[in-house]
Structures are given as C-alpha cells and as structure tokens.
Amino acid sequence: MLSVNKKALEIVNKMIENKEELNIDVIKLENGATVLDCGVNVLGSWEAGKLFTKICLGGLAHVGISLSPCECKGINLPFVKVKTSHPAISTLGSQKAGWALKVGKYFAMGSGPARALAKKPKKTYEEIGYEDNADVAVLCLEASKLPNEDVADHVAKECGVEPENVYLLVAPTASLVGSIQISGRVVENGTYKMLEVLEFDVNKVKYAAGLAPIAPIIGDDFAMMGATNDMVLYGGITFYYIKSDENDDIEGLCKSLPSCTSKDYGKPFMEVFKSADYDFYKIDKGMFAPAVVVVNDMTNGKVYRAGKINAEVIKKSLGWVEL
C-alpha cells in the first residue's frame, strides 16, 4: 500500500534543504518536531506553494503553475494545475481539510498525510478503503501562528509516532503559499462532493486533473477565505476519468457536480457566509465544488461536461478594477 506520509517526507526534506531559495524557515522544536514556516514570518514563494500543495496531496500528484487558459473569460491570473493517478487517496485520503486541530488556544485546519494516521475523519478512510502505517507524520496547517511543542505532541499522540518524527508545515490563508494550496484543492472539491453529497464510490475515479485561478492577496485571513474559495467555486475546472459499473448514472453525476447546482450559488463566498450567520454548517455542501466538470466514462467511452466559469463573481470577490 502506498504511504502518503513517506512520499510527502521526501518532498519535505527537499524543502528543508532548499529553504533559502524557497523563502521559508525551518524551526526545530524542543521535543524534536520540525516546523516549516511557509508564510507566517516569511514570504514563501511560488515553488514553496507548489511543494506545499503536493505534500497536501500525499506526494501522489503533479502540481504546476501557469498563466490563464483561454476559457477563463478575462480572468488574467496565475493558475494552479493538479494531476493525479490516485484521486481518492491523494485528495480525500490526504488533502482534505479534515482535521480541526485545537490544542489549548491554538487552532488550525489540518490537511495532508498525517490525517491518514490519525484517521481524521475515520469514516472517510473506511469509505475509500485506505490506511497508512508510517512512523512519520506530515501535517499541513492553515494558520497565522506557528505551532508549539504542545501541538506537535498532540499530533504525535494522535498519529502514533514519536514527536521527533512530526513535521508541521504552516501557511496563513493570506499568503502566497496559502492561496496556492487552497486553489490546489480544485480536484478534491469534486471528489468530496461525489462522496459526501452524491454518495458516489470515488474509488471508481481512476485519474483526475484540474486547474483553478490563484487569488491575489487582497486582505487578511478572513478576507482571503472568501477570495480563495471563490477561485475554485467560480473559476475551477476539473477532469475525472471514471471506470463505471452498469448501474452508474455518470451523465447525472456530471450534471450534479458543478457548484452552479447549489442553491447558494451566484454570490461571492463571503456574502453566502454572512447570510449563513458565519456558520459553515448552514451553507449547502453542494456549493463546495468546481465551476466546470468534465467526466470521461471509460466504460462506454462517453465524455460529459457541465458547469460554467463565472468571471463576474470572481471580479466582484476580488474588487477587480479594469483600467
């Protein structure tokens, strides 16, 4: 069985070796755990954002950055590109922000390989049939503060590893690395909706690829939470290659996948969030999906496409000014 933690550690070691080039900092905690600051007290970089995203995906994806493709209707922004031949494991088994990490006054959303050791959440791993038994834990944190020894000890205990084998990568939402890694969830947004909302067996998804615009840094973490979500919901494009069974309605699946099928669709995420009294659980789960979805049913050879790029909402979200 592939180990997402061991695959990710290979990338972590490269980041440590090239920390100056990547504009990141490496801190060794007293308990032996290692913290990689990718945007709290440092600037980070494009390459650090790519590597952070790849680590979130358990080292089981290719991540790149390019300029706007022609389909994106005047949204002239850099785009993150993700390709994986292990969609269920890399996105839901690793990348999904499934660990709400709270230790004392410290809080962060945890993504990445260490989730597979701590089984956060357990149901996800049961549904995709994956487990990792590595002796090293790599966790990516979306936070504006660096974790301390207590946080690292907690992660070590939850993952069943020694503290010196814990690696914590941190990037605030309002940072270049943070913005890149959130847009890099474009494929995961689709697999999440397949499993959590449409109850489709994501192990039938054999290959996946996607791209989404990277939000400029328009404000603090709260403002960036809205902008980064909008990049995927209104600008993300995904491709899924599915090996279907005879009872699967792949056309219906594709039609139901894009964010535009949600009752909350049509406004910048922060407006939707405000209308929900700033409670994520009041927002329709179906909104968290890519804007455009293309599905290749490899069993019958058909290709389906649904959804649309919504440039106007993206521009409104960013306060876009045309000169």
Protein backbone atom coordinates (compact mmCIF):
# COMPACT_ATOMS: atom_id res chain seq x y z
CA MET A 1 0.00 0.00 0.00
CA LEU A 2 1.28 3.47 -0.87
CA SER A 3 2.33 5.56 2.14
CA VAL A 4 1.31 9.21 1.76
CA ASN A 5 3.42 10.20 4.76
CA LYS A 6 6.60 8.59 3.43
CA LYS A 7 6.01 10.08 -0.04
CA ALA A 8 5.41 13.51 1.48
CA LEU A 9 8.53 13.30 3.66
CA GLU A 10 10.67 13.09 0.52
CA ILE A 11 9.29 16.50 -0.54
CA VAL A 12 9.61 17.94 2.98
CA ASN A 13 13.31 17.05 3.02
CA LYS A 14 13.80 18.85 -0.31
CA MET A 15 12.11 21.93 1.13
CA ILE A 16 14.35 21.87 4.20
CA GLU A 17 17.43 21.52 2.01
CA ASN A 18 16.38 24.48 -0.17
CA LYS A 19 14.77 26.67 2.48
CA GLU A 20 16.59 29.89 1.50
CA GLU A 21 15.69 29.55 -2.18
CA LEU A 22 12.07 28.83 -1.22
CA ASN A 23 11.83 31.81 1.19
CA ILE A 24 10.72 29.54 4.04
CA ASP A 25 12.04 28.97 7.56
CA VAL A 26 12.67 25.69 9.38
CA ILE A 27 12.28 25.56 13.16
CA LYS A 28 13.27 22.64 15.35
CA LEU A 29 11.09 22.41 18.46
CA GLU A 30 12.42 21.25 21.84
CA ASN A 31 10.63 17.91 21.52
CA GLY A 32 12.38 17.24 18.20
CA ALA A 33 9.42 18.06 15.93
CA THR A 34 10.09 20.16 12.83
CA VAL A 35 8.04 23.20 11.78
CA LEU A 36 8.25 24.61 8.26
CA ASP A 37 7.09 28.23 8.20
CA CYS A 38 5.82 28.89 4.67
CA GLY A 39 4.21 32.27 5.21
CA VAL A 40 3.78 33.32 8.85
CA ASN A 41 7.08 35.16 9.42
CA VAL A 42 8.45 34.69 5.90
CA LEU A 43 7.25 35.48 2.38
CA GLY A 44 7.21 31.99 0.90
CA SER A 45 7.39 31.56 -2.88
CA TRP A 46 5.69 30.11 -5.96
CA GLU A 47 7.78 26.95 -5.68
CA ALA A 48 7.03 26.60 -1.96
CA GLY A 49 3.33 26.84 -2.81
CA LYS A 50 3.65 24.06 -5.38
CA LEU A 51 5.55 21.81 -2.95
CA PHE A 52 3.17 22.57 -0.06
CA THR A 53 0.23 21.59 -2.29
CA LYS A 54 2.00 18.44 -3.43
CA ILE A 55 2.61 17.47 0.20
CA CYS A 56 -1.08 18.07 0.97
CA LEU A 57 -1.78 15.55 -1.80
CA GLY A 58 0.49 12.98 -0.18
CA GLY A 59 3.10 13.23 -2.92
CA LEU A 60 0.69 11.44 -5.26
CA ALA A 61 0.07 14.29 -7.70
CA HIS A 62 1.87 16.61 -10.06
CA VAL A 63 1.39 20.30 -9.24
CA GLY A 64 2.26 23.18 -11.55
CA ILE A 65 1.54 26.87 -12.08
CA SER A 66 0.69 28.53 -15.38
CA LEU A 67 -0.97 31.64 -16.79
CA SER A 68 -4.68 31.85 -17.56
CA PRO A 69 -6.11 29.40 -20.09
CA CYS A 70 -8.28 30.93 -22.79
CA GLU A 71 -11.54 29.50 -21.38
CA CYS A 72 -11.42 31.69 -18.31
CA LYS A 73 -13.14 34.74 -19.76
CA GLY A 74 -10.72 37.52 -18.92
CA ILE A 75 -9.66 36.27 -15.50
CA ASN A 76 -6.00 37.02 -16.09
CA LEU A 77 -4.49 35.35 -13.06
CA PRO A 78 -1.91 32.64 -12.48
CA PHE A 79 -3.47 29.18 -12.25
CA VAL A 80 -2.51 26.14 -10.20
CA LYS A 81 -2.68 22.80 -12.06
CA VAL A 82 -3.13 19.41 -10.39
CA LYS A 83 -2.89 15.94 -11.97
CA THR A 84 -3.21 12.66 -10.07
CA SER A 85 -3.47 8.97 -10.90
CA HIS A 86 -4.57 8.22 -7.31
CA PRO A 87 -7.55 10.57 -6.88
CA ALA A 88 -9.28 9.02 -3.87
CA ILE A 89 -6.14 8.61 -1.78
CA SER A 90 -4.44 11.88 -2.73
CA THR A 91 -7.49 14.13 -2.33
CA LEU A 92 -9.74 12.56 0.31
CA GLY A 93 -7.15 10.35 1.99
CA SER A 94 -4.65 13.19 2.32
CA GLN A 95 -5.51 16.68 1.03
CA LYS A 96 -8.98 17.11 2.53
CA ALA A 97 -9.03 19.65 5.38
CA GLY A 98 -10.48 17.04 7.71
CA TRP A 99 -8.63 17.71 10.95
CA ALA A 100 -9.79 20.66 13.08
CA LEU A 101 -6.70 20.86 15.28
CA LYS A 102 -7.30 22.56 18.64
CA VAL A 103 -4.66 22.44 21.35
CA GLY A 104 -5.06 24.98 24.15
CA LYS A 105 -5.53 28.35 22.44
CA TYR A 106 -4.01 27.14 19.17
CA PHE A 107 -6.34 26.33 16.29
CA ALA A 108 -5.64 25.33 12.71
CA MET A 109 -7.28 23.35 9.95
CA GLY A 110 -5.14 20.32 9.27
CA SER A 111 -4.66 18.76 5.85
CA GLY A 112 -2.30 16.23 4.42
CA PRO A 113 -0.82 12.81 5.08
CA ALA A 114 -0.92 12.76 8.89
CA ARG A 115 -4.71 12.59 8.68
CA ALA A 116 -4.35 9.04 7.36
CA LEU A 117 -2.56 8.00 10.54
CA ALA A 118 -4.96 9.75 12.91
CA LYS A 119 -7.99 8.72 10.78
CA LYS A 120 -9.44 12.23 10.68
CA PRO A 121 -12.28 11.62 9.97
CA LYS A 122 -12.43 7.84 10.35
CA LYS A 123 -15.47 7.46 8.08
CA THR A 124 -13.59 8.85 5.08
CA TYR A 125 -10.89 6.18 5.36
CA GLU A 126 -13.47 3.45 5.72
CA GLU A 127 -15.26 4.67 2.59
CA ILE A 128 -12.14 4.86 0.41
CA GLY A 129 -10.52 1.78 1.96
CA TYR A 130 -7.16 3.37 2.75
CA GLU A 131 -4.79 3.37 5.71
CA ASP A 132 -1.19 4.36 6.27
CA ASN A 133 1.09 2.87 8.93
CA ALA A 134 4.16 5.08 8.54
CA ASP A 135 6.37 6.02 11.51
CA VAL A 136 6.49 9.65 10.35
CA ALA A 137 3.62 12.17 10.34
CA VAL A 138 3.43 15.16 7.96
CA LEU A 139 0.65 17.67 8.57
CA CYS A 140 -0.16 20.88 6.69
CA LEU A 141 -1.73 23.66 8.74
CA GLU A 142 -3.75 26.64 7.55
CA ALA A 143 -2.96 29.10 10.35
CA SER A 144 -1.49 32.53 11.02
CA LYS A 145 0.57 31.38 14.02
CA LEU A 146 3.27 28.74 14.32
CA PRO A 147 2.55 25.66 16.46
CA ASN A 148 4.47 24.90 19.65
CA GLU A 149 5.61 21.70 21.35
CA ASP A 150 2.15 21.02 22.79
CA VAL A 151 0.66 20.99 19.28
CA ALA A 152 3.40 18.71 17.97
CA ASP A 153 2.99 16.35 20.95
CA HIS A 154 -0.75 16.17 20.30
CA VAL A 155 -0.21 15.36 16.61
CA ALA A 156 2.37 12.71 17.54
CA LYS A 157 -0.01 11.07 20.01
CA GLU A 158 -2.96 11.09 17.58
CA CYS A 159 -0.78 9.62 14.82
CA GLY A 160 1.04 7.08 16.95
CA VAL A 161 4.53 8.37 16.16
CA GLU A 162 7.38 9.92 18.12
CA PRO A 163 7.41 13.76 18.34
CA GLU A 164 10.77 13.90 16.52
CA ASN A 165 9.04 12.28 13.54
CA VAL A 166 6.41 15.01 13.27
CA TYR A 167 6.67 17.63 10.52
CA LEU A 168 4.26 20.59 10.57
CA LEU A 169 4.02 22.90 7.56
CA VAL A 170 2.24 26.21 8.15
CA ALA A 171 0.83 28.78 5.72
CA PRO A 172 -1.73 31.50 6.51
CA THR A 173 -4.69 31.96 4.17
CA ALA A 174 -3.38 35.49 3.47
CA SER A 175 -0.09 34.34 1.97
CA LEU A 176 1.06 33.26 -1.46
CA VAL A 177 1.61 29.66 -0.36
CA GLY A 178 -1.77 29.63 1.41
CA SER A 179 -3.56 30.97 -1.65
CA ILE A 180 -1.89 28.46 -3.97
CA GLN A 181 -2.66 25.44 -1.78
CA ILE A 182 -6.34 26.36 -1.44
CA SER A 183 -6.78 26.72 -5.21
CA GLY A 184 -4.90 23.43 -5.44
CA ARG A 185 -7.95 21.77 -3.86
CA VAL A 186 -9.90 22.08 -7.10
CA VAL A 187 -9.85 18.32 -7.80
CA GLU A 188 -10.55 17.48 -4.15
CA ASN A 189 -13.63 19.72 -4.12
CA GLY A 190 -15.13 17.49 -6.81
CA THR A 191 -14.23 14.16 -5.20
CA TYR A 192 -15.52 15.48 -1.87
CA LYS A 193 -18.89 16.33 -3.42
CA MET A 194 -19.02 12.97 -5.20
CA LEU A 195 -18.58 11.11 -1.92
CA GLU A 196 -20.16 13.35 0.71
CA VAL A 197 -23.10 14.81 -1.24
CA LEU A 198 -23.80 12.49 -4.18
CA GLU A 199 -22.70 9.28 -2.42
CA PHE A 200 -20.69 8.04 -5.40
CA ASP A 201 -17.90 5.50 -4.95
CA VAL A 202 -14.81 7.65 -5.60
CA ASN A 203 -12.61 4.57 -5.98
CA LYS A 204 -14.12 4.35 -9.48
CA VAL A 205 -12.38 7.63 -10.32
CA LYS A 206 -9.11 6.38 -11.81
CA TYR A 207 -7.48 9.64 -12.92
CA ALA A 208 -8.21 13.30 -12.25
CA ALA A 209 -6.88 16.70 -13.21
CA GLY A 210 -7.89 20.26 -12.52
CA LEU A 211 -6.90 23.89 -12.57
CA ALA A 212 -8.05 27.00 -10.72
CA PRO A 213 -7.00 30.66 -10.54
CA ILE A 214 -4.81 31.71 -7.61
CA ALA A 215 -6.29 34.54 -5.58
CA PRO A 216 -4.19 37.70 -5.17
CA ILE A 217 -3.53 38.75 -1.57
CA ILE A 218 -6.45 41.14 -1.09
CA GLY A 219 -6.60 41.39 2.71
CA ASP A 220 -6.32 39.46 5.95
CA ASP A 221 -7.05 35.78 6.52
CA PHE A 222 -10.79 36.39 6.79
CA ALA A 223 -10.99 38.31 3.51
CA MET A 224 -8.79 35.72 1.82
CA MET A 225 -11.03 32.89 3.00
CA GLY A 226 -13.72 34.27 0.71
CA ALA A 227 -11.44 35.02 -2.23
CA THR A 228 -9.68 31.65 -2.19
CA ASN A 229 -12.95 29.72 -2.06
CA ASP A 230 -14.32 31.74 -4.99
CA MET A 231 -11.34 30.77 -7.16
CA VAL A 232 -12.50 27.14 -7.14
CA LEU A 233 -16.27 27.64 -6.94
CA TYR A 234 -16.40 30.11 -9.84
CA GLY A 235 -13.15 29.53 -11.73
CA GLY A 236 -12.10 25.90 -11.16
CA ILE A 237 -12.10 23.36 -14.00
CA THR A 238 -11.79 19.61 -13.34
CA PHE A 239 -11.48 16.42 -15.37
CA TYR A 240 -12.41 13.00 -13.99
CA TYR A 241 -11.83 9.62 -15.67
CA ILE A 242 -14.29 7.11 -14.23
CA LYS A 243 -14.48 3.33 -14.65
CA SER A 244 -18.24 2.96 -14.21
CA ASP A 245 -20.45 -0.03 -13.50
CA GLU A 246 -23.63 -0.72 -15.46
CA ASN A 247 -25.86 0.83 -12.78
CA ASP A 248 -23.92 4.10 -12.56
CA ASP A 249 -25.52 7.25 -13.96
CA ILE A 250 -22.35 9.09 -14.96
CA GLU A 251 -24.22 11.68 -17.02
CA GLY A 252 -26.35 12.52 -13.98
CA LEU A 253 -23.24 12.59 -11.78
CA CYS A 254 -21.52 15.10 -14.06
CA LYS A 255 -24.64 17.25 -14.28
CA SER A 256 -24.92 17.36 -10.47
CA LEU A 257 -21.24 18.04 -9.71
CA PRO A 258 -20.55 21.73 -10.54
CA SER A 259 -21.03 24.46 -7.95
CA CYS A 260 -23.78 26.09 -10.05
CA THR A 261 -26.19 23.31 -8.97
CA SER A 262 -26.17 24.64 -5.40
CA LYS A 263 -28.95 26.84 -4.03
CA ASP A 264 -26.26 29.12 -2.58
CA TYR A 265 -24.54 29.67 -5.93
CA GLY A 266 -24.24 33.09 -7.56
CA LYS A 267 -22.68 35.39 -4.94
CA PRO A 268 -19.12 35.75 -3.62
CA PHE A 269 -18.45 33.25 -0.86
CA MET A 270 -18.22 35.92 1.83
CA GLU A 271 -21.76 37.08 1.04
CA VAL A 272 -23.00 33.50 1.29
CA PHE A 273 -21.08 33.04 4.54
CA LYS A 274 -22.59 36.22 6.00
CA SER A 275 -26.10 35.09 5.00
CA ALA A 276 -25.43 31.83 6.86
CA ASP A 277 -24.60 33.79 10.05
CA TYR A 278 -20.93 32.88 9.54
CA ASP A 279 -21.75 29.21 10.15
CA PHE A 280 -20.18 26.82 7.61
CA TYR A 281 -22.72 24.15 8.52
CA LYS A 282 -25.57 26.35 7.26
CA ILE A 283 -24.03 26.54 3.78
CA ASP A 284 -25.15 23.98 1.21
CA LYS A 285 -22.43 21.31 1.00
CA GLY A 286 -23.08 21.09 -2.73
CA MET A 287 -21.64 24.56 -3.27
CA PHE A 288 -18.12 23.36 -2.46
CA ALA A 289 -17.36 22.10 -5.96
CA PRO A 290 -15.51 23.18 -9.11
CA ALA A 291 -17.16 25.59 -11.56
CA VAL A 292 -16.73 23.29 -14.57
CA VAL A 293 -16.63 19.50 -14.59
CA VAL A 294 -15.69 17.19 -17.47
CA VAL A 295 -16.19 13.45 -16.95
CA ASN A 296 -14.89 10.67 -19.19
CA ASP A 297 -16.83 7.44 -18.65
CA MET A 298 -14.11 5.00 -19.63
CA THR A 299 -16.54 2.09 -19.68
CA ASN A 300 -18.70 3.38 -22.53
CA GLY A 301 -16.29 5.96 -23.95
CA LYS A 302 -18.59 8.94 -23.44
CA VAL A 303 -17.49 12.41 -22.33
CA TYR A 304 -19.78 14.77 -20.41
CA ARG A 305 -19.31 18.43 -19.50
CA ALA A 306 -21.30 20.59 -17.09
CA GLY A 307 -20.97 23.95 -15.34
CA LYS A 308 -19.56 27.35 -16.27
CA ILE A 309 -16.86 29.84 -15.41
CA ASN A 310 -18.35 32.87 -13.63
CA ALA A 311 -15.91 35.70 -14.21
CA GLU A 312 -18.23 38.37 -12.84
CA VAL A 313 -18.43 36.82 -9.37
CA ILE A 314 -14.66 36.36 -9.29
CA LYS A 315 -14.11 40.01 -10.21
CA LYS A 316 -16.61 41.12 -7.55
CA SER A 317 -14.93 38.92 -4.97
CA LEU A 318 -11.52 40.43 -5.70
CA GLY A 319 -12.67 44.04 -6.09
CA TRP A 320 -11.27 43.79 -9.62
CA VAL A 321 -10.58 47.18 -11.25
CA GLU A 322 -10.34 47.43 -15.04
CA LEU A 323 -8.19 50.39 -16.14
